[in-house]
Protein backbone atom coordinates (compact mmCIF):
# COMPACT_ATOMS: atom_id res chain seq x y z
CA MET A 1 -14.10 37.22 -11.98
CA THR A 2 -14.48 40.88 -11.05
CA THR A 3 -12.08 42.68 -8.75
CA ALA A 4 -14.73 42.80 -6.03
CA GLN A 5 -15.41 39.06 -6.35
CA LEU A 6 -11.70 38.31 -6.24
CA GLU A 7 -11.20 40.43 -3.11
CA TYR A 8 -14.15 38.74 -1.42
CA PHE A 9 -12.96 35.26 -2.43
CA GLU A 10 -9.43 35.98 -1.20
CA LYS A 11 -10.66 37.40 2.10
CA GLU A 12 -13.08 34.54 2.76
CA CYS A 13 -10.90 31.61 1.68
CA LYS A 14 -7.30 32.71 2.15
CA GLU A 15 -6.71 31.05 5.51
CA ASP A 16 -8.65 27.94 4.54
CA PHE A 17 -6.59 27.55 1.36
CA LYS A 18 -3.42 27.92 3.43
CA THR A 19 -4.61 25.10 5.67
CA ILE A 20 -5.48 22.89 2.70
CA LYS A 21 -2.17 23.61 1.00
CA ALA A 22 -0.19 22.91 4.18
CA SER A 23 -1.90 19.53 4.56
CA LEU A 24 -1.38 18.63 0.92
CA ASP A 25 2.30 19.63 1.07
CA ALA A 26 2.99 17.62 4.25
CA PHE A 27 5.59 14.90 3.73
CA ASN A 28 4.26 11.35 3.81
CA ILE A 29 6.54 8.44 3.00
CA PHE A 30 3.61 6.24 1.94
CA GLU A 31 2.64 8.78 -0.72
CA VAL A 32 6.23 9.30 -1.82
CA LEU A 33 6.61 5.56 -2.41
CA LYS A 34 3.13 5.44 -3.99
CA ILE A 35 2.05 2.57 -1.80
CA HIS A 36 -0.91 4.28 -0.10
CA ARG A 37 -3.39 1.94 -1.82
CA ARG A 38 -1.26 -1.22 -1.94
CA GLU A 39 -2.97 -3.86 0.19
CA ILE A 40 0.22 -5.87 0.70
CA ARG A 41 2.08 -2.84 2.06
CA HIS A 42 -0.82 -1.98 4.37
CA SER A 43 -0.93 -5.57 5.63
CA ASN A 44 2.82 -5.44 6.28
CA PHE A 45 2.47 -2.29 8.35
CA LEU A 46 -0.56 -3.56 10.25
CA GLY A 47 1.19 -6.84 10.98
CA TRP A 48 4.06 -4.83 12.45
CA LEU A 49 1.71 -2.73 14.60
CA PHE A 50 -0.25 -5.74 15.86
CA ASP A 51 2.92 -7.57 16.88
CA PRO A 52 3.47 -6.88 20.61
CA ASN A 53 7.15 -7.64 20.07
CA GLY A 54 7.52 -5.40 17.04
CA SER A 55 10.36 -2.92 16.74
CA HIS A 56 7.93 -0.08 17.53
CA ASN A 57 8.47 -1.07 21.19
CA LEU A 58 4.91 -0.06 22.06
CA GLY A 59 3.87 -3.52 23.18
CA ASP A 60 0.35 -4.81 22.67
CA ILE A 61 -1.52 -1.48 22.53
CA PHE A 62 -2.47 -1.79 18.84
CA LEU A 63 -3.53 -5.40 19.15
CA LYS A 64 -5.70 -4.56 22.13
CA GLU A 65 -7.39 -1.77 20.17
CA LEU A 66 -8.20 -4.31 17.47
CA ILE A 67 -9.64 -6.68 20.07
CA LYS A 68 -11.73 -3.86 21.57
CA LEU A 69 -13.27 -3.24 18.13
CA LEU A 70 -13.80 -6.95 17.71
CA ASN A 71 -15.55 -7.26 21.07
CA LYS A 72 -18.04 -4.55 20.08
CA GLY A 73 -19.46 -6.89 17.47
CA GLU A 74 -21.87 -9.77 17.97
CA LYS A 75 -19.86 -12.65 16.46
CA TYR A 76 -16.80 -12.91 18.67
CA GLN A 77 -15.51 -12.05 22.12
CA ILE A 78 -11.87 -12.33 23.20
CA ASN A 79 -11.67 -11.58 26.90
CA VAL A 80 -7.94 -10.92 27.23
CA LEU A 81 -7.72 -7.13 27.58
CA ASP A 82 -6.59 -7.43 31.19
CA LYS A 83 -3.75 -9.77 30.24
CA SER A 84 -0.37 -9.37 28.60
CA LEU A 85 -0.37 -10.36 24.93
CA ASN A 86 3.41 -10.54 24.63
CA ASN A 87 3.30 -14.24 23.71
CA THR A 88 1.40 -13.41 20.52
CA ILE A 89 2.94 -14.28 17.15
CA VAL A 90 1.93 -12.42 13.99
CA PHE A 91 2.32 -14.05 10.57
CA ARG A 92 2.21 -12.14 7.28
CA GLU A 93 1.05 -14.34 4.36
CA SER A 94 3.39 -17.09 5.55
CA LYS A 95 0.52 -19.24 6.84
CA GLY A 96 -1.99 -20.29 4.20
CA ASN A 97 -1.53 -16.97 2.35
CA ILE A 98 -3.64 -15.25 5.01
CA ASP A 99 -2.96 -11.50 4.99
CA VAL A 100 -2.45 -11.26 8.75
CA LEU A 101 -2.71 -14.25 11.08
CA ILE A 102 -2.42 -13.57 14.81
CA ILE A 103 -1.80 -16.56 17.09
CA ASN A 104 -1.60 -16.70 20.87
CA GLU A 105 -1.15 -20.27 22.06
CA THR A 106 -0.95 -19.24 25.72
CA LEU A 107 -4.35 -17.53 25.77
CA GLY A 108 -5.85 -19.84 23.18
CA PHE A 109 -6.95 -17.48 20.44
CA SER A 110 -6.30 -16.78 16.78
CA ILE A 111 -7.32 -13.82 14.61
CA CYS A 112 -7.43 -14.28 10.85
CA ILE A 113 -7.53 -10.96 8.97
CA GLU A 114 -8.32 -10.57 5.27
CA ASN A 115 -7.47 -7.05 4.20
CA LYS A 116 -9.21 -5.49 1.18
CA ILE A 117 -8.88 -1.89 0.04
CA GLY A 118 -9.94 -1.85 -3.60
CA ALA A 119 -10.31 -5.43 -4.79
CA ARG A 120 -13.11 -7.91 -4.16
CA PHE A 121 -12.72 -11.19 -2.33
CA SER A 122 -11.92 -13.96 -4.78
CA LYS A 123 -14.20 -16.97 -4.89
CA THR A 124 -13.61 -19.48 -2.07
CA GLN A 125 -10.81 -17.27 -0.66
CA LEU A 126 -12.43 -16.70 2.72
CA GLU A 127 -13.56 -20.30 2.92
CA LYS A 128 -9.99 -21.45 2.27
CA TYR A 129 -8.64 -19.34 5.13
CA TYR A 130 -11.35 -20.61 7.47
CA LYS A 131 -10.49 -24.21 6.69
CA TYR A 132 -6.76 -23.55 7.04
CA VAL A 133 -7.15 -22.13 10.56
CA HIS A 134 -9.41 -24.96 11.69
CA ARG A 135 -7.08 -27.56 10.19
CA ASN A 136 -3.92 -26.15 11.79
CA TYR A 137 -5.17 -24.44 14.94
CA ASP A 138 -8.24 -26.41 15.91
CA HIS A 139 -6.87 -26.78 19.44
CA LEU A 140 -7.29 -23.04 20.06
CA THR A 141 -10.49 -22.22 21.95
CA ASN A 142 -11.23 -18.90 20.23
CA LYS A 143 -10.82 -18.70 16.46
CA VAL A 144 -11.76 -15.31 15.05
CA PHE A 145 -12.18 -14.27 11.41
CA ILE A 146 -12.12 -10.63 10.30
CA THR A 147 -12.44 -8.74 7.05
CA LEU A 148 -10.85 -5.29 7.08
CA THR A 149 -12.35 -2.94 4.48
CA PRO A 150 -12.74 0.81 3.82
CA SER A 151 -16.49 0.70 4.50
CA LEU A 152 -18.95 -1.61 6.19
CA SER A 153 -20.40 -3.84 3.50
CA VAL A 154 -21.39 -7.45 2.87
CA GLU A 155 -21.65 -7.17 -0.90
CA ASN A 156 -18.16 -8.59 -1.48
CA PHE A 157 -18.90 -11.87 0.28
CA SER A 158 -19.56 -14.90 -1.91
CA THR A 159 -21.91 -16.81 0.40
CA GLU A 160 -24.19 -16.33 3.40
CA GLU A 161 -21.89 -18.62 5.34
CA GLU A 162 -18.99 -16.19 4.88
CA ILE A 163 -21.17 -13.36 6.19
CA ASP A 164 -21.95 -15.46 9.27
CA ILE A 165 -18.30 -16.36 9.88
CA TYR A 166 -16.42 -13.15 9.15
CA GLN A 167 -16.82 -10.00 11.21
CA ASN A 168 -16.25 -6.83 9.25
CA ILE A 169 -14.15 -4.03 10.72
CA THR A 170 -13.79 -0.78 8.79
CA TYR A 171 -10.60 1.17 8.35
CA LYS A 172 -12.41 4.23 9.69
CA ASN A 173 -13.00 2.55 13.05
CA LEU A 174 -9.50 1.09 13.15
CA ILE A 175 -7.80 4.39 12.33
CA ASN A 176 -9.96 6.19 14.89
CA ALA A 177 -8.85 3.63 17.47
CA PHE A 178 -5.21 4.20 16.54
CA GLU A 179 -5.67 7.97 16.84
CA ASN A 180 -6.90 7.47 20.40
CA LEU A 181 -3.45 6.07 21.16
CA GLY A 182 -1.85 9.44 20.37
CA PRO A 183 -0.27 9.97 23.80
CA ASP A 184 1.23 6.46 23.74
CA ILE A 185 2.49 6.87 20.17
CA GLU A 186 4.26 10.09 21.17
CA LYS A 187 6.30 8.09 23.69
CA ALA A 188 7.90 6.03 20.91
CA LYS A 189 11.10 6.91 19.12
CA VAL A 190 10.64 9.90 16.82
CA SER A 191 11.06 7.81 13.66
CA VAL A 192 8.49 5.27 14.88
CA ALA A 193 5.98 7.91 16.01
CA ASP A 194 6.33 9.79 12.72
CA SER A 195 5.80 6.66 10.62
CA ILE A 196 2.65 5.71 12.56
CA LYS A 197 1.25 9.25 12.33
CA GLN A 198 1.96 9.29 8.58
CA TYR A 199 0.22 5.94 8.23
CA ILE A 200 -2.85 7.30 10.00
CA ALA A 201 -2.75 10.46 7.86
CA VAL A 202 -2.51 8.60 4.55
CA HIS A 203 -5.48 6.45 5.52
CA LYS A 204 -7.59 9.46 6.43
CA LYS A 205 -6.71 11.10 3.12
CA HIS A 206 -6.94 8.19 0.67
CA ILE A 207 -8.94 5.39 2.30
CA VAL A 208 -11.23 6.76 4.98
CA LYS A 209 -11.50 10.17 3.25
CA ASN A 210 -11.94 12.29 6.36
CA SER A 211 -8.61 14.10 6.47
CA GLU A 212 -8.44 17.74 7.53
CA GLU A 213 -7.96 19.11 4.03
CA LEU A 214 -10.75 16.97 2.59
CA LEU A 215 -13.26 17.96 5.27
CA LEU A 216 -12.37 21.62 4.79
CA ALA A 217 -12.55 21.28 1.01
CA ARG A 218 -15.98 19.70 1.31
CA LYS A 219 -17.16 22.48 3.61
CA LEU A 220 -15.98 25.23 1.25
CA TYR A 221 -17.30 23.48 -1.82
CA LEU A 222 -20.77 23.07 -0.38
CA LYS A 223 -20.72 26.65 0.88
CA TYR A 224 -20.06 28.08 -2.56
CA ASN A 225 -21.97 25.38 -4.47
CA PRO A 226 -24.82 24.42 -2.12
CA SER A 227 -27.01 22.97 -4.88
CA LEU A 228 -24.43 20.43 -6.05
CA GLU A 229 -24.03 16.91 -4.72
CA VAL A 230 -20.76 15.28 -5.73
CA ASP A 231 -18.43 12.68 -4.32
CA ASP A 232 -15.24 13.34 -2.38
CA LYS A 233 -12.99 12.82 -5.38
CA VAL A 234 -14.76 15.54 -7.36
CA ILE A 235 -14.77 17.89 -4.37
CA THR A 236 -11.06 17.38 -3.79
CA GLN A 237 -10.27 17.94 -7.47
CA TYR A 238 -12.41 21.08 -7.48
CA MET A 239 -10.63 22.48 -4.45
CA LEU A 240 -7.21 21.68 -5.85
CA THR A 241 -8.15 23.40 -9.09
CA SER A 242 -9.56 26.36 -7.17
CA LEU A 243 -6.40 26.55 -5.10
CA LEU A 244 -4.23 26.63 -8.20
CA GLU A 245 -6.46 29.22 -9.84
CA TYR A 246 -6.41 31.29 -6.67
CA GLU A 247 -2.61 31.25 -6.63
CA LYS A 248 -2.48 32.16 -10.32
CA ILE A 249 -4.94 35.03 -9.86
CA LYS A 250 -3.06 36.32 -6.82
CA ILE A 251 0.23 36.31 -8.70
CA LEU A 252 -1.41 38.00 -11.68
CA THR A 253 -3.06 40.74 -9.62
CA ASN A 254 0.12 41.36 -7.68
CA SER A 255 2.08 41.78 -10.91
CA ILE A 256 -0.56 44.15 -12.29
CA ASN A 257 -0.45 46.32 -9.14
CA ARG A 258 3.35 46.30 -9.04
CA PRO A 259 5.18 49.09 -10.97
CA LEU A 260 7.02 47.83 -14.03
CA ASN A 261 10.79 48.12 -14.04
CA ILE A 262 11.69 49.19 -17.55
CA LEU A 263 15.41 49.39 -18.26
């Protein structure tokens, strides 16, 4: 790289690299504990959010966002958004091994959620959950079945019947819905608000792949390599490498321009 190219690169990308670096350096407890792709941990956190009586003390706002997404589909409608959902009980793998099972006896509905981030549905898994809910909660008027996945896809289903029964909701839509609750989240205790914001951030970075640093990295990559088409993982790795190289070059050039102190 010539001096002129280096000066141009530094001038054009300096602030963007600062933004990327700041985002990458931001503390996130889910990354620290290396659980950002662990389905069980995600299901635990979601179960906590969906519980109107959870220790977040934010009531039913997260559950209602889920129901809003659900009502946008064609399979199910739960018309309870104008009602309190405080009588809802949320079970985490304690009922038929279902990832998240939401039961409201008062309003007569159940929501069965199978959460998948990286793995495929095992054979007969979804059918088993369907039968469990009908066997144990057949008295409920509205029985809803959801698959929660990173992207909208039917390829992981085993049968056409499962496709007909289960409504797919993507993490992108769910996280966007949670982000819309920003003003309400800010009203929570600092520790609660921070944990929810970190949960949203880790999803945008690792699952949904539309975090600030990734979008900026993609923009810069395509600007300087317009003829290349690569996936997000390659773009991110390229930008991280470029960032490191940029820092190394800056340190090197600074040392070259600095007078040597010879004792």
